Amino acid sequence: MKTSFKKKISKPTTHPTSPPPRVLADDACPTCGTTMKEARGRMRLPVNGDEVSVPSTPHLKCPKCGETVLRFHDARRLHEDAAAIYRKKHGLLSAAEIRSLRERLGFKQEDLARLLRLGANTVSRWESGRNVQTAAMDLLLRLVRDLPGSIDYLRGHAA
């Protein structure tokens, strides 16, 4: 018995009277199409399991439907500000303090990551403010900073 398979090709169906797809302006609301306005307001973002409130965050807001849109650079800034607020609230080293510590020790980011048994990009994320170290890692960073001999101890036990 001979079996043959035919591939069915389907064309996208558009009705001849359908309107063309709508293209929105960059500042148009994605929900209703109204021109959005610059605004500032309090926004919340989770950081290490805590909800962090960031005051005066710039964003676009639709005057008609209330939709809120963050531009890429505003979203990045919101994340950095939330991380800084979290660090301050919990008494953690700042991104600049971590970078300064690493540079004072003469380490590359990879060196510090290896010493602390971290992933290769973790220190980079801490120093750029994209991620926040845990309280336990903050304590370990402070030990490296404040206790002579701690680096040698960690080197002896690093993988």
Protein backbone atom coordinates (compact mmCIF):
# COMPACT_ATOMS: atom_id res chain seq x y z
CA MET A 1 0.00 0.00 0.00
CA LYS A 2 1.38 3.34 -1.02
CA THR A 3 0.80 6.32 1.27
CA SER A 4 1.30 9.87 0.15
CA PHE A 5 1.36 12.95 2.29
CA LYS A 6 0.48 16.36 1.02
CA LYS A 7 1.40 19.43 2.95
CA LYS A 8 -1.49 21.78 3.23
CA ILE A 9 -0.41 25.37 2.84
CA SER A 10 -2.69 27.92 4.34
CA LYS A 11 -2.59 31.58 3.49
CA PRO A 12 -3.40 34.21 6.06
CA THR A 13 -6.94 35.29 5.55
CA THR A 14 -7.77 38.94 5.54
CA HIS A 15 -11.07 40.29 4.57
CA PRO A 16 -10.80 42.70 1.67
CA THR A 17 -12.64 45.36 3.68
CA SER A 18 -10.59 44.96 6.90
CA PRO A 19 -8.75 48.09 7.98
CA PRO A 20 -4.95 47.93 7.86
CA PRO A 21 -3.19 47.18 11.18
CA ARG A 22 -3.03 50.22 13.44
CA VAL A 23 0.40 51.70 14.14
CA LEU A 24 0.64 53.73 17.33
CA ALA A 25 2.87 56.72 17.92
CA ASP A 26 5.68 56.27 20.47
CA ASP A 27 3.81 58.35 23.06
CA ALA A 28 0.41 56.73 22.46
CA CYS A 29 -1.31 54.70 25.15
CA PRO A 30 -1.09 50.99 24.24
CA THR A 31 -4.60 50.48 25.63
CA CYS A 32 -6.64 53.32 24.12
CA GLY A 33 -4.30 55.20 21.75
CA THR A 34 -4.51 58.55 23.58
CA THR A 35 -1.34 60.64 23.80
CA MET A 36 0.28 59.89 27.15
CA LYS A 37 1.57 62.59 29.51
CA GLU A 38 4.81 62.76 31.50
CA ALA A 39 4.18 62.04 35.17
CA ARG A 40 5.99 61.28 38.42
CA GLY A 41 4.69 59.15 41.22
CA ARG A 42 5.36 56.47 43.80
CA MET A 43 5.93 52.98 42.40
CA ARG A 44 6.56 49.68 44.11
CA LEU A 45 9.04 47.00 43.14
CA PRO A 46 9.98 43.71 44.86
CA VAL A 47 13.62 43.42 45.97
CA ASN A 48 14.84 40.24 47.69
CA GLY A 49 11.27 39.42 48.70
CA ASP A 50 10.47 42.89 50.12
CA GLU A 51 8.14 45.36 48.44
CA VAL A 52 10.13 48.59 48.05
CA SER A 53 8.36 51.90 47.46
CA VAL A 54 10.24 54.34 45.21
CA PRO A 55 9.03 57.95 45.36
CA SER A 56 8.85 60.29 42.39
CA THR A 57 9.42 57.73 39.64
CA PRO A 58 9.15 59.22 36.13
CA HIS A 59 6.72 57.45 33.78
CA LEU A 60 4.07 58.03 31.13
CA LYS A 61 0.42 58.09 32.18
CA CYS A 62 -2.67 58.07 29.99
CA PRO A 63 -5.06 60.89 30.91
CA LYS A 64 -8.00 58.94 29.45
CA CYS A 65 -7.74 55.38 30.78
CA GLY A 66 -5.02 55.73 33.46
CA GLU A 67 -2.59 53.24 31.88
CA THR A 68 0.98 53.62 33.16
CA VAL A 69 4.02 52.91 30.97
CA LEU A 70 7.67 52.89 31.98
CA ARG A 71 10.21 53.66 29.30
CA PHE A 72 13.28 51.42 29.30
CA HIS A 73 15.57 53.98 30.97
CA ASP A 74 12.88 54.81 33.57
CA ALA A 75 12.40 51.11 34.37
CA ARG A 76 16.15 50.67 34.79
CA ARG A 77 16.31 53.70 37.09
CA LEU A 78 13.34 52.42 39.12
CA HIS A 79 15.14 49.12 39.65
CA GLU A 80 18.40 50.84 40.68
CA ASP A 81 16.59 53.22 43.05
CA ALA A 82 14.63 50.34 44.62
CA ALA A 83 17.88 48.41 45.17
CA ALA A 84 19.52 51.46 46.79
CA ILE A 85 16.53 52.02 49.08
CA TYR A 86 16.54 48.33 50.07
CA ARG A 87 20.27 48.40 50.82
CA LYS A 88 19.91 51.50 52.96
CA LYS A 89 16.86 50.14 54.82
CA HIS A 90 18.70 46.89 55.68
CA GLY A 91 22.11 48.46 56.31
CA LEU A 92 23.82 46.68 53.42
CA LEU A 93 26.92 47.86 51.59
CA SER A 94 26.11 50.03 48.59
CA ALA A 95 27.08 49.13 45.02
CA ALA A 96 29.85 51.76 45.17
CA GLU A 97 31.15 50.38 48.49
CA ILE A 98 31.36 46.86 47.04
CA ARG A 99 33.24 48.16 43.98
CA SER A 100 35.57 50.19 46.20
CA LEU A 101 36.29 47.17 48.41
CA ARG A 102 37.07 44.99 45.40
CA GLU A 103 39.34 47.62 43.85
CA ARG A 104 41.15 48.23 47.17
CA LEU A 105 41.90 44.51 47.32
CA GLY A 106 43.22 44.62 43.74
CA PHE A 107 40.66 42.04 42.59
CA LYS A 108 38.84 41.70 39.31
CA GLN A 109 35.13 40.96 39.60
CA GLU A 110 35.82 37.32 38.69
CA ASP A 111 38.44 37.06 41.46
CA LEU A 112 36.03 38.26 44.15
CA ALA A 113 33.27 36.01 42.79
CA ARG A 114 35.56 32.97 42.91
CA LEU A 115 36.74 33.82 46.44
CA LEU A 116 33.13 34.08 47.67
CA ARG A 117 32.03 31.03 45.63
CA LEU A 118 29.62 33.05 43.53
CA GLY A 119 28.58 32.92 39.90
CA ALA A 120 30.81 34.83 37.50
CA ASN A 121 28.40 37.74 36.94
CA THR A 122 27.08 38.18 40.47
CA VAL A 123 29.65 40.77 41.58
CA SER A 124 29.05 42.73 38.37
CA ARG A 125 25.31 42.81 39.10
CA TRP A 126 25.92 43.97 42.67
CA GLU A 127 28.28 46.73 41.56
CA SER A 128 25.92 47.97 38.84
CA GLY A 129 22.93 47.98 41.21
CA ARG A 130 21.00 45.41 39.17
CA ASN A 131 20.98 42.91 42.04
CA VAL A 132 21.30 43.22 45.81
CA GLN A 133 23.43 40.96 47.94
CA THR A 134 21.78 38.97 50.72
CA ALA A 135 22.43 39.89 54.35
CA ALA A 136 24.67 36.81 54.66
CA MET A 137 26.79 37.84 51.65
CA ASP A 138 26.94 41.40 52.97
CA LEU A 139 28.34 40.07 56.26
CA LEU A 140 30.94 38.03 54.35
CA LEU A 141 31.95 41.12 52.34
CA ARG A 142 32.35 43.06 55.60
CA LEU A 143 34.51 40.27 57.06
CA VAL A 144 36.76 40.43 53.98
CA ARG A 145 36.93 44.20 54.35
CA ASP A 146 37.46 44.38 58.13
CA LEU A 147 39.33 41.24 59.25
CA PRO A 148 42.95 40.77 58.28
CA GLY A 149 43.57 37.16 57.32
CA SER A 150 40.03 36.50 56.13
CA ILE A 151 41.10 36.54 52.48
CA ASP A 152 43.80 33.94 53.10
CA TYR A 153 41.28 31.82 55.00
CA LEU A 154 38.77 32.04 52.15
CA ARG A 155 41.44 31.31 49.53
CA GLY A 156 42.34 28.16 51.45
CA HIS A 157 38.74 27.04 51.39
CA ALA A 158 37.60 28.35 47.98
CA ALA A 159 36.74 25.85 45.30
